[in-house]
Structure formats: C-alpha cells, structure tokens
Amino acid sequence: MPKPRPEHYNRKQATYTQIRQYILDTFGLKAHTAYIAEIKRRHGIEMQCKRLIDNPKNKVPHPTEEMTKAIEAALIHFNIIPLEKEIT
C-alpha cells in the first residue's frame, strides 16, 4: 500500500531524479533510470536517447511487476501518462 504522497513535487516537468525520489518516498523502492525509461517506452513515450535499445550488445532491463506498478504510479502522479493508460 503506497504512503500518502508528499505535495512538494513539481508536476510540470518531472526529472528522473524527481521520479526516483517519489518512488522511494512513496513505495520505499529504488528505481533505476533504465527501468523508468523502459516503462515510458511501453506507454509510447518517445525519448531523446535510444542508445540502450539500438545496440544489440546492451542488455535491456526489465523491471519487476512491483517496480513497474510503482513507476507507473509515479508517471501518473507527475501527469506523464494518464490514469486510464495504466498497464495492468
């Protein structure tokens, strides 16, 4: 069960650091930026750097189901993805 969310987060432009801090504060999990990028890709969000997925030698990370739900909750919190697009 997530903790009540702190209201000091800026929702206009969330950085990876803010997203990671929200996940740590709310769920007690440490999210790697590669996990956040993977979830953004799953939701169709284009990102500037595709270096990780373009090189076949790089191992693409896959977050656990618990981590996926925490990241999706953070992306919803920061209005990066809408509530109805949550993957279950």
N, C-alpha and C. Protein backbone atom coordinates (compact mmCIF):
# COMPACT_ATOMS: atom_id res chain seq x y z
N MET A 1 0.84 -1.18 0.00
CA MET A 1 0.00 0.00 0.00
C MET A 1 0.89 1.24 0.00
N PRO A 2 0.73 2.13 -0.98
CA PRO A 2 1.58 3.32 -1.02
C PRO A 2 1.29 4.28 0.12
N LYS A 3 2.34 4.99 0.53
CA LYS A 3 2.19 6.01 1.56
C LYS A 3 1.50 7.22 0.95
N PRO A 4 0.92 8.11 1.78
CA PRO A 4 0.34 9.33 1.22
C PRO A 4 1.41 10.13 0.49
N ARG A 5 1.05 10.70 -0.64
CA ARG A 5 2.06 11.37 -1.45
C ARG A 5 2.39 12.76 -0.91
N PRO A 6 3.67 13.08 -0.87
CA PRO A 6 4.07 14.43 -0.48
C PRO A 6 3.63 15.42 -1.54
N GLU A 7 3.23 16.60 -1.14
CA GLU A 7 2.71 17.59 -2.08
C GLU A 7 3.78 18.53 -2.61
N HIS A 8 5.05 18.34 -2.26
CA HIS A 8 6.09 19.26 -2.69
C HIS A 8 6.66 18.96 -4.07
N TYR A 9 6.15 17.96 -4.76
CA TYR A 9 6.67 17.61 -6.07
C TYR A 9 6.12 18.54 -7.14
N ASN A 10 6.96 18.95 -8.07
CA ASN A 10 6.56 19.79 -9.19
C ASN A 10 6.08 18.88 -10.31
N ARG A 11 4.84 19.02 -10.71
CA ARG A 11 4.28 18.16 -11.74
C ARG A 11 4.52 18.66 -13.16
N LYS A 12 4.99 19.89 -13.34
CA LYS A 12 5.11 20.45 -14.69
C LYS A 12 6.13 19.69 -15.52
N GLN A 13 7.34 19.56 -15.04
CA GLN A 13 8.38 18.82 -15.75
C GLN A 13 9.13 17.97 -14.73
N ALA A 14 8.80 16.72 -14.69
CA ALA A 14 9.44 15.84 -13.72
C ALA A 14 10.74 15.29 -14.30
N THR A 15 11.79 15.39 -13.54
CA THR A 15 13.07 14.82 -13.94
C THR A 15 13.13 13.37 -13.45
N TYR A 16 14.10 12.63 -13.96
CA TYR A 16 14.27 11.27 -13.49
C TYR A 16 14.57 11.26 -11.99
N THR A 17 15.31 12.25 -11.52
CA THR A 17 15.63 12.34 -10.09
C THR A 17 14.36 12.52 -9.27
N GLN A 18 13.46 13.38 -9.73
CA GLN A 18 12.20 13.59 -9.02
C GLN A 18 11.34 12.33 -9.04
N ILE A 19 11.30 11.67 -10.17
CA ILE A 19 10.51 10.43 -10.28
C ILE A 19 11.08 9.38 -9.35
N ARG A 20 12.41 9.23 -9.34
CA ARG A 20 13.05 8.25 -8.47
C ARG A 20 12.81 8.58 -7.00
N GLN A 21 12.87 9.86 -6.64
CA GLN A 21 12.64 10.27 -5.26
C GLN A 21 11.20 10.01 -4.84
N TYR A 22 10.26 10.27 -5.74
CA TYR A 22 8.85 10.00 -5.45
C TYR A 22 8.63 8.50 -5.19
N ILE A 23 9.23 7.66 -6.02
CA ILE A 23 9.08 6.21 -5.85
C ILE A 23 9.70 5.76 -4.52
N LEU A 24 10.84 6.31 -4.18
CA LEU A 24 11.49 5.97 -2.91
C LEU A 24 10.64 6.44 -1.73
N ASP A 25 10.16 7.67 -1.77
CA ASP A 25 9.34 8.21 -0.68
C ASP A 25 8.01 7.50 -0.53
N THR A 26 7.39 7.16 -1.65
CA THR A 26 6.04 6.60 -1.63
C THR A 26 6.02 5.08 -1.45
N PHE A 27 6.91 4.38 -2.13
CA PHE A 27 6.89 2.92 -2.14
C PHE A 27 8.08 2.28 -1.43
N GLY A 28 9.10 3.07 -1.13
CA GLY A 28 10.29 2.52 -0.49
C GLY A 28 11.15 1.71 -1.43
N LEU A 29 11.04 1.96 -2.74
CA LEU A 29 11.80 1.23 -3.74
C LEU A 29 12.78 2.16 -4.44
N LYS A 30 13.95 1.62 -4.80
CA LYS A 30 14.93 2.39 -5.56
C LYS A 30 14.80 2.00 -7.03
N ALA A 31 14.33 2.95 -7.84
CA ALA A 31 14.10 2.68 -9.26
C ALA A 31 15.29 3.16 -10.07
N HIS A 32 15.82 2.30 -10.90
CA HIS A 32 16.90 2.67 -11.81
C HIS A 32 16.30 3.46 -12.97
N THR A 33 17.05 4.42 -13.48
CA THR A 33 16.54 5.23 -14.58
C THR A 33 16.23 4.39 -15.83
N ALA A 34 16.95 3.30 -16.01
CA ALA A 34 16.67 2.43 -17.15
C ALA A 34 15.29 1.79 -17.02
N TYR A 35 14.87 1.49 -15.80
CA TYR A 35 13.53 0.95 -15.58
C TYR A 35 12.47 1.99 -15.93
N ILE A 36 12.71 3.23 -15.53
CA ILE A 36 11.77 4.31 -15.83
C ILE A 36 11.66 4.47 -17.34
N ALA A 37 12.79 4.45 -18.03
CA ALA A 37 12.79 4.58 -19.49
C ALA A 37 12.04 3.43 -20.14
N GLU A 38 12.21 2.22 -19.62
CA GLU A 38 11.51 1.05 -20.17
C GLU A 38 9.99 1.22 -20.04
N ILE A 39 9.52 1.68 -18.91
CA ILE A 39 8.08 1.87 -18.69
C ILE A 39 7.57 3.00 -19.60
N LYS A 40 8.35 4.06 -19.76
CA LYS A 40 7.94 5.13 -20.67
C LYS A 40 7.81 4.59 -22.09
N ARG A 41 8.75 3.75 -22.52
CA ARG A 41 8.67 3.15 -23.86
C ARG A 41 7.41 2.30 -24.00
N ARG A 42 7.08 1.54 -22.98
CA ARG A 42 5.88 0.70 -23.02
C ARG A 42 4.61 1.53 -23.22
N HIS A 43 4.64 2.76 -22.73
CA HIS A 43 3.49 3.64 -22.85
C HIS A 43 3.57 4.53 -24.09
N GLY A 44 4.56 4.28 -24.94
CA GLY A 44 4.66 5.00 -26.20
C GLY A 44 5.25 6.39 -26.10
N ILE A 45 5.97 6.68 -25.03
CA ILE A 45 6.59 7.99 -24.87
C ILE A 45 7.95 7.96 -25.55
N GLU A 46 8.14 8.87 -26.50
CA GLU A 46 9.41 8.97 -27.22
C GLU A 46 10.45 9.64 -26.33
N MET A 47 11.67 9.16 -26.40
CA MET A 47 12.76 9.74 -25.62
C MET A 47 13.91 10.08 -26.56
N GLN A 48 14.73 11.03 -26.14
CA GLN A 48 15.82 11.51 -26.98
C GLN A 48 16.90 10.45 -27.17
N CYS A 49 17.27 9.77 -26.13
CA CYS A 49 18.39 8.82 -26.17
C CYS A 49 17.87 7.40 -26.36
N LYS A 50 18.22 6.80 -27.49
CA LYS A 50 17.82 5.42 -27.74
C LYS A 50 19.03 4.51 -27.78
N ARG A 51 20.13 4.98 -27.25
CA ARG A 51 21.40 4.27 -27.30
C ARG A 51 21.28 2.85 -26.73
N LEU A 52 20.56 2.69 -25.65
CA LEU A 52 20.47 1.40 -24.98
C LEU A 52 19.78 0.35 -25.84
N ILE A 53 18.67 0.73 -26.46
CA ILE A 53 17.94 -0.27 -27.23
C ILE A 53 18.45 -0.44 -28.65
N ASP A 54 19.18 0.54 -29.18
CA ASP A 54 19.70 0.44 -30.53
C ASP A 54 20.88 -0.53 -30.65
N ASN A 55 21.65 -0.69 -29.59
CA ASN A 55 22.82 -1.55 -29.63
C ASN A 55 22.43 -2.95 -29.15
N PRO A 56 22.52 -3.96 -30.01
CA PRO A 56 22.11 -5.31 -29.62
C PRO A 56 22.99 -5.92 -28.52
N LYS A 57 24.18 -5.35 -28.28
CA LYS A 57 25.05 -5.87 -27.23
C LYS A 57 24.57 -5.47 -25.84
N ASN A 58 23.79 -4.39 -25.77
CA ASN A 58 23.30 -3.93 -24.47
C ASN A 58 22.11 -4.76 -24.02
N LYS A 59 22.12 -5.10 -22.77
CA LYS A 59 21.02 -5.85 -22.18
C LYS A 59 19.93 -4.85 -21.76
N VAL A 60 18.74 -5.01 -22.30
CA VAL A 60 17.64 -4.11 -21.96
C VAL A 60 17.05 -4.57 -20.63
N PRO A 61 16.97 -3.67 -19.64
CA PRO A 61 16.47 -4.07 -18.33
C PRO A 61 14.96 -4.27 -18.33
N HIS A 62 14.51 -5.16 -17.49
CA HIS A 62 13.08 -5.42 -17.34
C HIS A 62 12.75 -5.35 -15.86
N PRO A 63 12.00 -4.34 -15.44
CA PRO A 63 11.66 -4.19 -14.03
C PRO A 63 10.66 -5.26 -13.57
N THR A 64 10.67 -5.51 -12.27
CA THR A 64 9.71 -6.45 -11.70
C THR A 64 8.30 -5.86 -11.78
N GLU A 65 7.30 -6.68 -11.53
CA GLU A 65 5.92 -6.20 -11.57
C GLU A 65 5.68 -5.14 -10.50
N GLU A 66 6.25 -5.34 -9.32
CA GLU A 66 6.11 -4.35 -8.24
C GLU A 66 6.74 -3.02 -8.65
N MET A 67 7.93 -3.08 -9.24
CA MET A 67 8.61 -1.87 -9.68
C MET A 67 7.84 -1.20 -10.82
N THR A 68 7.29 -2.00 -11.74
CA THR A 68 6.50 -1.46 -12.84
C THR A 68 5.31 -0.67 -12.32
N LYS A 69 4.60 -1.23 -11.35
CA LYS A 69 3.43 -0.54 -10.79
C LYS A 69 3.84 0.74 -10.07
N ALA A 70 4.96 0.71 -9.37
CA ALA A 70 5.43 1.91 -8.67
C ALA A 70 5.82 3.00 -9.67
N ILE A 71 6.51 2.63 -10.74
CA ILE A 71 6.91 3.60 -11.76
C ILE A 71 5.69 4.17 -12.47
N GLU A 72 4.74 3.31 -12.80
CA GLU A 72 3.52 3.79 -13.44
C GLU A 72 2.76 4.74 -12.53
N ALA A 73 2.72 4.44 -11.24
CA ALA A 73 2.06 5.34 -10.29
C ALA A 73 2.76 6.70 -10.25
N ALA A 74 4.09 6.69 -10.31
CA ALA A 74 4.85 7.94 -10.32
C ALA A 74 4.59 8.72 -11.61
N LEU A 75 4.55 8.03 -12.74
CA LEU A 75 4.29 8.71 -14.01
C LEU A 75 2.88 9.29 -14.05
N ILE A 76 1.94 8.60 -13.45
CA ILE A 76 0.58 9.13 -13.33
C ILE A 76 0.58 10.35 -12.40
N HIS A 77 1.29 10.25 -11.29
CA HIS A 77 1.37 11.35 -10.33
C HIS A 77 1.90 12.62 -10.99
N PHE A 78 2.91 12.48 -11.84
CA PHE A 78 3.53 13.63 -12.50
C PHE A 78 2.84 13.98 -13.82
N ASN A 79 1.70 13.37 -14.08
CA ASN A 79 0.91 13.63 -15.30
C ASN A 79 1.69 13.36 -16.58
N ILE A 80 2.54 12.37 -16.53
CA ILE A 80 3.30 11.97 -17.72
C ILE A 80 2.48 10.98 -18.54
N ILE A 81 1.76 10.11 -17.85
CA ILE A 81 0.80 9.22 -18.51
C ILE A 81 -0.54 9.43 -17.83
N PRO A 82 -1.63 9.32 -18.58
CA PRO A 82 -2.95 9.46 -17.97
C PRO A 82 -3.32 8.20 -17.18
N LEU A 83 -4.23 8.37 -16.26
CA LEU A 83 -4.63 7.27 -15.38
C LEU A 83 -5.17 6.08 -16.18
N GLU A 84 -5.95 6.32 -17.23
CA GLU A 84 -6.56 5.22 -17.98
C GLU A 84 -5.58 4.43 -18.83
N LYS A 85 -4.33 4.93 -19.00
CA LYS A 85 -3.35 4.19 -19.80
C LYS A 85 -2.50 3.26 -18.95
N GLU A 86 -2.81 3.12 -17.67
CA GLU A 86 -2.01 2.27 -16.79
C GLU A 86 -2.06 0.83 -17.29
N ILE A 87 -0.90 0.20 -17.37
CA ILE A 87 -0.80 -1.20 -17.79
C ILE A 87 -1.00 -2.07 -16.56
N THR A 88 -1.85 -3.07 -16.66
CA THR A 88 -2.07 -3.97 -15.53
C THR A 88 -1.44 -5.31 -15.77
